[in-house]
Structures are given as structure tokens and as C-alpha cells.
Full PDB file with SEQRES, HELIX, SHEET, SSBOND, CRYST1, ORIGX, SCALE, CONECT and MASTER records, all heavy atoms in Angstrom:
SEQRES   1 A   31  GLN THR MET THR VAL THR ALA GLY ASN THR LEU THR ILE          
SEQRES   2 A   31  ARG TYR ASN PHE LEU THR ASN GLU VAL ASN PRO ASN LEU          
SEQRES   3 A   31  GLY PHE ASN ASP ASN                                          
CRYST1    1.000    1.000    1.000  90.00  90.00  90.00 P 1           1          
ORIGX1      1.000000  0.000000  0.000000        0.00000                         
ORIGX2      0.000000  1.000000  0.000000        0.00000                         
ORIGX3      0.000000  0.000000  1.000000        0.00000                         
SCALE1      1.000000  0.000000  0.000000        0.00000                         
SCALE2      0.000000  1.000000  0.000000        0.00000                         
SCALE3      0.000000  0.000000  1.000000        0.00000                         
ATOM      1  N   GLN A   1       0.850  -1.188   0.000  1.00  0.00           N  
ATOM      2  CA  GLN A   1       0.000   0.000   0.000  1.00  0.00           C  
ATOM      3  C   GLN A   1       0.891   1.245   0.000  1.00  0.00           C  
ATOM      4  O   GLN A   1       1.938   1.274   0.670  1.00  0.00           O  
ATOM      5  CB  GLN A   1      -0.904   0.029   1.225  1.00  0.00           C  
ATOM      6  CG  GLN A   1      -1.822   1.238   1.264  1.00  0.00           C  
ATOM      7  CD  GLN A   1      -2.772   1.232   2.461  1.00  0.00           C  
ATOM      8  OE1 GLN A   1      -3.042   2.277   3.047  1.00  0.00           O  
ATOM      9  NE2 GLN A   1      -3.285   0.058   2.833  1.00  0.00           N  
ATOM     10  N   THR A   2       0.480   2.260  -0.747  1.00  0.00           N  
ATOM     11  CA  THR A   2       1.188   3.540  -0.745  1.00  0.00           C  
ATOM     12  C   THR A   2       0.711   4.369   0.440  1.00  0.00           C  
ATOM     13  O   THR A   2      -0.491   4.438   0.719  1.00  0.00           O  
ATOM     14  CB  THR A   2       0.917   4.309  -2.049  1.00  0.00           C  
ATOM     15  OG1 THR A   2       1.395   3.531  -3.152  1.00  0.00           O  
ATOM     16  CG2 THR A   2       1.622   5.655  -2.052  1.00  0.00           C  
ATOM     17  N   MET A   3       1.637   5.002   1.139  1.00  0.00           N  
ATOM     18  CA  MET A   3       1.267   5.838   2.282  1.00  0.00           C  
ATOM     19  C   MET A   3       2.267   6.971   2.439  1.00  0.00           C  
ATOM     20  O   MET A   3       3.406   6.889   1.983  1.00  0.00           O  
ATOM     21  CB  MET A   3       1.177   5.006   3.567  1.00  0.00           C  
ATOM     22  CG  MET A   3       2.463   4.340   3.991  1.00  0.00           C  
ATOM     23  SD  MET A   3       2.270   3.288   5.461  1.00  0.00           S  
ATOM     24  CE  MET A   3       1.879   4.514   6.709  1.00  0.00           C  
ATOM     25  N   THR A   4       1.822   8.045   3.071  1.00  0.00           N  
ATOM     26  CA  THR A   4       2.662   9.211   3.334  1.00  0.00           C  
ATOM     27  C   THR A   4       2.916   9.301   4.832  1.00  0.00           C  
ATOM     28  O   THR A   4       1.969   9.221   5.633  1.00  0.00           O  
ATOM     29  CB  THR A   4       1.987  10.496   2.837  1.00  0.00           C  
ATOM     30  OG1 THR A   4       1.779  10.393   1.421  1.00  0.00           O  
ATOM     31  CG2 THR A   4       2.853  11.713   3.125  1.00  0.00           C  
ATOM     32  N   VAL A   5       4.171   9.458   5.215  1.00  0.00           N  
ATOM     33  CA  VAL A   5       4.545   9.493   6.625  1.00  0.00           C  
ATOM     34  C   VAL A   5       5.481  10.662   6.883  1.00  0.00           C  
ATOM     35  O   VAL A   5       6.056  11.248   5.972  1.00  0.00           O  
ATOM     36  CB  VAL A   5       5.218   8.181   7.059  1.00  0.00           C  
ATOM     37  CG1 VAL A   5       4.289   7.003   6.874  1.00  0.00           C  
ATOM     38  CG2 VAL A   5       6.525   7.977   6.305  1.00  0.00           C  
ATOM     39  N   THR A   6       5.629  10.967   8.153  1.00  0.00           N  
ATOM     40  CA  THR A   6       6.588  11.963   8.622  1.00  0.00           C  
ATOM     41  C   THR A   6       7.656  11.244   9.429  1.00  0.00           C  
ATOM     42  O   THR A   6       7.349  10.304  10.178  1.00  0.00           O  
ATOM     43  CB  THR A   6       5.881  13.014   9.495  1.00  0.00           C  
ATOM     44  OG1 THR A   6       4.868  13.666   8.720  1.00  0.00           O  
ATOM     45  CG2 THR A   6       6.867  14.043  10.030  1.00  0.00           C  
ATOM     46  N   ALA A   7       8.896  11.666   9.283  1.00  0.00           N  
ATOM     47  CA  ALA A   7       9.978  11.061  10.052  1.00  0.00           C  
ATOM     48  C   ALA A   7       9.632  11.071  11.534  1.00  0.00           C  
ATOM     49  O   ALA A   7       9.195  12.087  12.076  1.00  0.00           O  
ATOM     50  CB  ALA A   7      11.282  11.811   9.811  1.00  0.00           C  
ATOM     51  N   GLY A   8       9.782   9.939  12.185  1.00  0.00           N  
ATOM     52  CA  GLY A   8       9.431   9.797  13.588  1.00  0.00           C  
ATOM     53  C   GLY A   8       8.108   9.100  13.798  1.00  0.00           C  
ATOM     54  O   GLY A   8       7.838   8.616  14.909  1.00  0.00           O  
ATOM     55  N   ASN A   9       7.244   9.059  12.758  1.00  0.00           N  
ATOM     56  CA  ASN A   9       6.010   8.276  12.866  1.00  0.00           C  
ATOM     57  C   ASN A   9       6.358   6.816  13.123  1.00  0.00           C  
ATOM     58  O   ASN A   9       7.399   6.323  12.673  1.00  0.00           O  
ATOM     59  CB  ASN A   9       5.195   8.355  11.589  1.00  0.00           C  
ATOM     60  CG  ASN A   9       4.428   9.653  11.420  1.00  0.00           C  
ATOM     61  OD1 ASN A   9       3.860   9.881  10.363  1.00  0.00           O  
ATOM     62  ND2 ASN A   9       4.392  10.515  12.421  1.00  0.00           N  
ATOM     63  N   THR A  10       5.498   6.127  13.825  1.00  0.00           N  
ATOM     64  CA  THR A  10       5.711   4.700  14.060  1.00  0.00           C  
ATOM     65  C   THR A  10       4.579   3.892  13.447  1.00  0.00           C  
ATOM     66  O   THR A  10       3.437   4.349  13.360  1.00  0.00           O  
ATOM     67  CB  THR A  10       5.791   4.382  15.564  1.00  0.00           C  
ATOM     68  OG1 THR A  10       4.585   4.795  16.208  1.00  0.00           O  
ATOM     69  CG2 THR A  10       6.989   5.068  16.193  1.00  0.00           C  
ATOM     70  N   LEU A  11       4.918   2.710  13.003  1.00  0.00           N  
ATOM     71  CA  LEU A  11       3.949   1.755  12.479  1.00  0.00           C  
ATOM     72  C   LEU A  11       3.991   0.521  13.368  1.00  0.00           C  
ATOM     73  O   LEU A  11       5.030  -0.131  13.498  1.00  0.00           O  
ATOM     74  CB  LEU A  11       4.287   1.369  11.040  1.00  0.00           C  
ATOM     75  CG  LEU A  11       3.412   0.282  10.401  1.00  0.00           C  
ATOM     76  CD1 LEU A  11       1.964   0.752  10.313  1.00  0.00           C  
ATOM     77  CD2 LEU A  11       3.945  -0.090   9.025  1.00  0.00           C  
ATOM     78  N   THR A  12       2.886   0.227  14.010  1.00  0.00           N  
ATOM     79  CA  THR A  12       2.797  -0.926  14.892  1.00  0.00           C  
ATOM     80  C   THR A  12       2.145  -2.088  14.146  1.00  0.00           C  
ATOM     81  O   THR A  12       1.073  -1.942  13.570  1.00  0.00           O  
ATOM     82  CB  THR A  12       1.986  -0.593  16.158  1.00  0.00           C  
ATOM     83  OG1 THR A  12       2.641   0.466  16.860  1.00  0.00           O  
ATOM     84  CG2 THR A  12       1.871  -1.800  17.072  1.00  0.00           C  
ATOM     85  N   ILE A  13       2.815  -3.230  14.160  1.00  0.00           N  
ATOM     86  CA  ILE A  13       2.377  -4.407  13.414  1.00  0.00           C  
ATOM     87  C   ILE A  13       2.208  -5.567  14.389  1.00  0.00           C  
ATOM     88  O   ILE A  13       3.131  -5.923  15.122  1.00  0.00           O  
ATOM     89  CB  ILE A  13       3.432  -4.801  12.350  1.00  0.00           C  
ATOM     90  CG1 ILE A  13       3.707  -3.631  11.411  1.00  0.00           C  
ATOM     91  CG2 ILE A  13       2.992  -6.035  11.578  1.00  0.00           C  
ATOM     92  CD1 ILE A  13       5.016  -3.762  10.659  1.00  0.00           C  
ATOM     93  N   ARG A  14       1.040  -6.158  14.398  1.00  0.00           N  
ATOM     94  CA  ARG A  14       0.805  -7.366  15.189  1.00  0.00           C  
ATOM     95  C   ARG A  14       0.735  -8.544  14.218  1.00  0.00           C  
ATOM     96  O   ARG A  14      -0.041  -8.521  13.269  1.00  0.00           O  
ATOM     97  CB  ARG A  14      -0.497  -7.254  15.973  1.00  0.00           C  
ATOM     98  CG  ARG A  14      -0.801  -8.446  16.851  1.00  0.00           C  
ATOM     99  CD  ARG A  14      -2.126  -8.258  17.567  1.00  0.00           C  
ATOM    100  NE  ARG A  14      -2.041  -7.213  18.566  1.00  0.00           N  
ATOM    101  CZ  ARG A  14      -3.088  -6.504  18.985  1.00  0.00           C  
ATOM    102  NH1 ARG A  14      -4.269  -6.692  18.444  1.00  0.00           N  
ATOM    103  NH2 ARG A  14      -2.939  -5.596  19.918  1.00  0.00           N  
ATOM    104  N   TYR A  15       1.526  -9.561  14.450  1.00  0.00           N  
ATOM    105  CA  TYR A  15       1.614 -10.657  13.489  1.00  0.00           C  
ATOM    106  C   TYR A  15       1.762 -12.002  14.205  1.00  0.00           C  
ATOM    107  O   TYR A  15       2.196 -12.082  15.356  1.00  0.00           O  
ATOM    108  CB  TYR A  15       2.802 -10.452  12.538  1.00  0.00           C  
ATOM    109  CG  TYR A  15       4.145 -10.535  13.228  1.00  0.00           C  
ATOM    110  CD1 TYR A  15       4.848 -11.732  13.264  1.00  0.00           C  
ATOM    111  CD2 TYR A  15       4.699  -9.421  13.866  1.00  0.00           C  
ATOM    112  CE1 TYR A  15       6.066 -11.824  13.914  1.00  0.00           C  
ATOM    113  CE2 TYR A  15       5.910  -9.506  14.514  1.00  0.00           C  
ATOM    114  CZ  TYR A  15       6.589 -10.702  14.535  1.00  0.00           C  
ATOM    115  OH  TYR A  15       7.792 -10.798  15.193  1.00  0.00           O  
ATOM    116  N   ASN A  16       1.404 -13.051  13.480  1.00  0.00           N  
ATOM    117  CA  ASN A  16       1.518 -14.422  13.971  1.00  0.00           C  
ATOM    118  C   ASN A  16       2.007 -15.285  12.809  1.00  0.00           C  
ATOM    119  O   ASN A  16       1.321 -15.414  11.796  1.00  0.00           O  
ATOM    120  CB  ASN A  16       0.159 -14.912  14.481  1.00  0.00           C  
ATOM    121  CG  ASN A  16       0.203 -16.322  15.065  1.00  0.00           C  
ATOM    122  OD1 ASN A  16       1.249 -16.945  15.156  1.00  0.00           O  
ATOM    123  ND2 ASN A  16      -0.961 -16.819  15.454  1.00  0.00           N  
ATOM    124  N   PHE A  17       3.210 -15.839  12.927  1.00  0.00           N  
ATOM    125  CA  PHE A  17       3.793 -16.671  11.882  1.00  0.00           C  
ATOM    126  C   PHE A  17       3.463 -18.129  12.164  1.00  0.00           C  
ATOM    127  O   PHE A  17       3.712 -18.645  13.259  1.00  0.00           O  
ATOM    128  CB  PHE A  17       5.310 -16.464  11.841  1.00  0.00           C  
ATOM    129  CG  PHE A  17       6.029 -17.307  10.825  1.00  0.00           C  
ATOM    130  CD1 PHE A  17       5.796 -17.140   9.467  1.00  0.00           C  
ATOM    131  CD2 PHE A  17       6.959 -18.261  11.230  1.00  0.00           C  
ATOM    132  CE1 PHE A  17       6.468 -17.914   8.523  1.00  0.00           C  
ATOM    133  CE2 PHE A  17       7.645 -19.031  10.303  1.00  0.00           C  
ATOM    134  CZ  PHE A  17       7.399 -18.859   8.940  1.00  0.00           C  
ATOM    135  N   LEU A  18       2.884 -18.804  11.166  1.00  0.00           N  
ATOM    136  CA  LEU A  18       2.493 -20.206  11.298  1.00  0.00           C  
ATOM    137  C   LEU A  18       3.250 -21.039  10.273  1.00  0.00           C  
ATOM    138  O   LEU A  18       3.494 -20.580   9.152  1.00  0.00           O  
ATOM    139  CB  LEU A  18       0.989 -20.371  11.065  1.00  0.00           C  
ATOM    140  CG  LEU A  18       0.065 -19.465  11.882  1.00  0.00           C  
ATOM    141  CD1 LEU A  18      -0.341 -18.248  11.069  1.00  0.00           C  
ATOM    142  CD2 LEU A  18      -1.175 -20.231  12.310  1.00  0.00           C  
ATOM    143  N   THR A  19       3.602 -22.269  10.634  1.00  0.00           N  
ATOM    144  CA  THR A  19       4.367 -23.081   9.689  1.00  0.00           C  
ATOM    145  C   THR A  19       4.166 -24.564   9.934  1.00  0.00           C  
ATOM    146  O   THR A  19       3.788 -24.982  11.041  1.00  0.00           O  
ATOM    147  CB  THR A  19       5.872 -22.747   9.784  1.00  0.00           C  
ATOM    148  OG1 THR A  19       6.585 -23.428   8.749  1.00  0.00           O  
ATOM    149  CG2 THR A  19       6.444 -23.112  11.141  1.00  0.00           C  
ATOM    150  N   ASN A  20       4.415 -25.332   8.888  1.00  0.00           N  
ATOM    151  CA  ASN A  20       4.492 -26.785   8.995  1.00  0.00           C  
ATOM    152  C   ASN A  20       5.932 -27.278   8.903  1.00  0.00           C  
ATOM    153  O   ASN A  20       6.176 -28.481   8.905  1.00  0.00           O  
ATOM    154  CB  ASN A  20       3.654 -27.446   7.889  1.00  0.00           C  
ATOM    155  CG  ASN A  20       2.177 -27.377   8.194  1.00  0.00           C  
ATOM    156  OD1 ASN A  20       1.749 -27.586   9.318  1.00  0.00           O  
ATOM    157  ND2 ASN A  20       1.379 -27.070   7.177  1.00  0.00           N  
ATOM    158  N   GLU A  21       6.870 -26.341   8.829  1.00  0.00           N  
ATOM    159  CA  GLU A  21       8.282 -26.711   8.844  1.00  0.00           C  
ATOM    160  C   GLU A  21       8.706 -27.042  10.281  1.00  0.00           C  
ATOM    161  O   GLU A  21       8.081 -26.615  11.251  1.00  0.00           O  
ATOM    162  CB  GLU A  21       9.150 -25.555   8.326  1.00  0.00           C  
ATOM    163  CG  GLU A  21       8.889 -25.149   6.885  1.00  0.00           C  
ATOM    164  CD  GLU A  21       9.511 -26.097   5.869  1.00  0.00           C  
ATOM    165  OE1 GLU A  21      10.079 -27.138   6.281  1.00  0.00           O  
ATOM    166  OE2 GLU A  21       9.429 -25.789   4.665  1.00  0.00           O  
ATOM    167  N   VAL A  22       9.800 -27.802  10.403  1.00  0.00           N  
ATOM    168  CA  VAL A  22      10.388 -28.062  11.711  1.00  0.00           C  
ATOM    169  C   VAL A  22      10.931 -26.750  12.271  1.00  0.00           C  
ATOM    170  O   VAL A  22      11.383 -25.881  11.528  1.00  0.00           O  
ATOM    171  CB  VAL A  22      11.518 -29.103  11.581  1.00  0.00           C  
ATOM    172  CG1 VAL A  22      12.237 -29.309  12.903  1.00  0.00           C  
ATOM    173  CG2 VAL A  22      10.947 -30.420  11.060  1.00  0.00           C  
ATOM    174  N   ASN A  23      10.914 -26.584  13.585  1.00  0.00           N  
ATOM    175  CA  ASN A  23      11.440 -25.376  14.227  1.00  0.00           C  
ATOM    176  C   ASN A  23      12.686 -25.722  15.057  1.00  0.00           C  
ATOM    177  O   ASN A  23      12.570 -26.493  16.008  1.00  0.00           O  
ATOM    178  CB  ASN A  23      10.419 -24.748  15.169  1.00  0.00           C  
ATOM    179  CG  ASN A  23       9.020 -24.718  14.620  1.00  0.00           C  
ATOM    180  OD1 ASN A  23       8.113 -25.156  15.298  1.00  0.00           O  
ATOM    181  ND2 ASN A  23       8.844 -24.243  13.411  1.00  0.00           N  
ATOM    182  N   PRO A  24      13.865 -25.167  14.716  1.00  0.00           N  
ATOM    183  CA  PRO A  24      14.150 -24.423  13.494  1.00  0.00           C  
ATOM    184  C   PRO A  24      14.486 -25.369  12.346  1.00  0.00           C  
ATOM    185  O   PRO A  24      14.759 -26.549  12.564  1.00  0.00           O  
ATOM    186  CB  PRO A  24      15.371 -23.591  13.880  1.00  0.00           C  
ATOM    187  CG  PRO A  24      16.095 -24.460  14.871  1.00  0.00           C  
ATOM    188  CD  PRO A  24      15.021 -25.189  15.639  1.00  0.00           C  
ATOM    189  N   ASN A  25      14.479 -24.836  11.139  1.00  0.00           N  
ATOM    190  CA  ASN A  25      14.833 -25.626   9.958  1.00  0.00           C  
ATOM    191  C   ASN A  25      15.706 -24.752   9.062  1.00  0.00           C  
ATOM    192  O   ASN A  25      15.206 -24.012   8.212  1.00  0.00           O  
ATOM    193  CB  ASN A  25      13.581 -26.078   9.215  1.00  0.00           C  
ATOM    194  CG  ASN A  25      13.879 -27.110   8.146  1.00  0.00           C  
ATOM    195  OD1 ASN A  25      15.005 -27.197   7.655  1.00  0.00           O  
ATOM    196  ND2 ASN A  25      12.882 -27.898   7.780  1.00  0.00           N  
ATOM    197  N   LEU A  26      16.994 -24.812   9.263  1.00  0.00           N  
ATOM    198  CA  LEU A  26      17.915 -23.924   8.553  1.00  0.00           C  
ATOM    199  C   LEU A  26      17.944 -24.200   7.056  1.00  0.00           C  
ATOM    200  O   LEU A  26      18.276 -23.319   6.265  1.00  0.00           O  
ATOM    201  CB  LEU A  26      19.318 -24.041   9.150  1.00  0.00           C  
ATOM    202  CG  LEU A  26      19.447 -23.663  10.629  1.00  0.00           C  
ATOM    203  CD1 LEU A  26      20.892 -23.769  11.079  1.00  0.00           C  
ATOM    204  CD2 LEU A  26      18.904 -22.272  10.883  1.00  0.00           C  
ATOM    205  N   GLY A  27      17.605 -25.423   6.653  1.00  0.00           N  
ATOM    206  CA  GLY A  27      17.616 -25.760   5.245  1.00  0.00           C  
ATOM    207  C   GLY A  27      16.372 -25.325   4.497  1.00  0.00           C  
ATOM    208  O   GLY A  27      16.411 -25.129   3.277  1.00  0.00           O  
ATOM    209  N   PHE A  28      15.267 -25.188   5.212  1.00  0.00           N  
ATOM    210  CA  PHE A  28      13.986 -24.789   4.622  1.00  0.00           C  
ATOM    211  C   PHE A  28      13.355 -23.730   5.531  1.00  0.00           C  
ATOM    212  O   PHE A  28      12.296 -23.936   6.118  1.00  0.00           O  
ATOM    213  CB  PHE A  28      13.069 -26.006   4.452  1.00  0.00           C  
ATOM    214  CG  PHE A  28      13.696 -27.117   3.655  1.00  0.00           C  
ATOM    215  CD1 PHE A  28      14.223 -28.229   4.279  1.00  0.00           C  
ATOM    216  CD2 PHE A  28      13.790 -27.018   2.273  1.00  0.00           C  
ATOM    217  CE1 PHE A  28      14.819 -29.247   3.550  1.00  0.00           C  
ATOM    218  CE2 PHE A  28      14.381 -28.029   1.524  1.00  0.00           C  
ATOM    219  CZ  PHE A  28      14.904 -29.142   2.167  1.00  0.00           C  
ATOM    220  N   ASN A  29      14.050 -22.599   5.626  1.00  0.00           N  
ATOM    221  CA  ASN A  29      13.748 -21.594   6.644  1.00  0.00           C  
ATOM    222  C   ASN A  29      12.746 -20.551   6.124  1.00  0.00           C  
ATOM    223  O   ASN A  29      13.085 -19.378   5.921  1.00  0.00           O  
ATOM    224  CB  ASN A  29      15.042 -20.925   7.100  1.00  0.00           C  
ATOM    225  CG  ASN A  29      14.887 -20.200   8.419  1.00  0.00           C  
ATOM    226  OD1 ASN A  29      13.904 -20.378   9.128  1.00  0.00           O  
ATOM    227  ND2 ASN A  29      15.861 -19.381   8.743  1.00  0.00           N  
ATOM    228  N   ASP A  30      11.492 -20.979   5.908  1.00  0.00           N  
ATOM    229  CA  ASP A  30      10.443 -20.064   5.471  1.00  0.00           C  
ATOM    230  C   ASP A  30      10.384 -18.843   6.392  1.00  0.00           C  
ATOM    231  O   ASP A  30      10.648 -18.953   7.599  1.00  0.00           O  
ATOM    232  CB  ASP A  30       9.071 -20.750   5.495  1.00  0.00           C  
ATOM    233  CG  ASP A  30       8.996 -21.948   4.575  1.00  0.00           C  
ATOM    234  OD1 ASP A  30       9.955 -22.200   3.827  1.00  0.00           O  
ATOM    235  OD2 ASP A  30       7.954 -22.636   4.604  1.00  0.00           O  
ATOM    236  N   ASN A  31      10.017 -17.691   5.830  1.00  0.00           N  
ATOM    237  CA  ASN A  31       9.914 -16.507   6.688  1.00  0.00           C  
ATOM    238  C   ASN A  31       8.889 -15.518   6.165  1.00  0.00           C  
ATOM    239  O   ASN A  31       8.447 -15.587   5.014  1.00  0.00           O  
ATOM    240  CB  ASN A  31      11.272 -15.815   6.834  1.00  0.00           C  
ATOM    241  CG  ASN A  31      11.657 -14.991   5.625  1.00  0.00           C  
ATOM    242  OD1 ASN A  31      11.812 -15.504   4.523  1.00  0.00           O  
ATOM    243  ND2 ASN A  31      11.847 -13.681   5.839  1.00  0.00           N  
TER     244      ASN A  31                                                      
MASTER        0    0    0    0    0    0    0    6  243    1    0    3          
END                                                                             
């Protein structure tokens, strides 16, 4: 998305990463 910001503005992101890979899996390290 395009957005206009001012230096010092903050963007707060709440996220949840889900996977069927082994944790950790350095060879198949989805992100």
C-alpha cells in the first residue's frame, strides 16, 4: 500500500507466523 509518513512516525504491526516446517529448519527456513 502507498502511504505518506513523517519522520518519527511509528507503524505498529501485530503478526503471527504459522508453519508446517520443523522449528528451526535452517535448510527450509520459510519466513
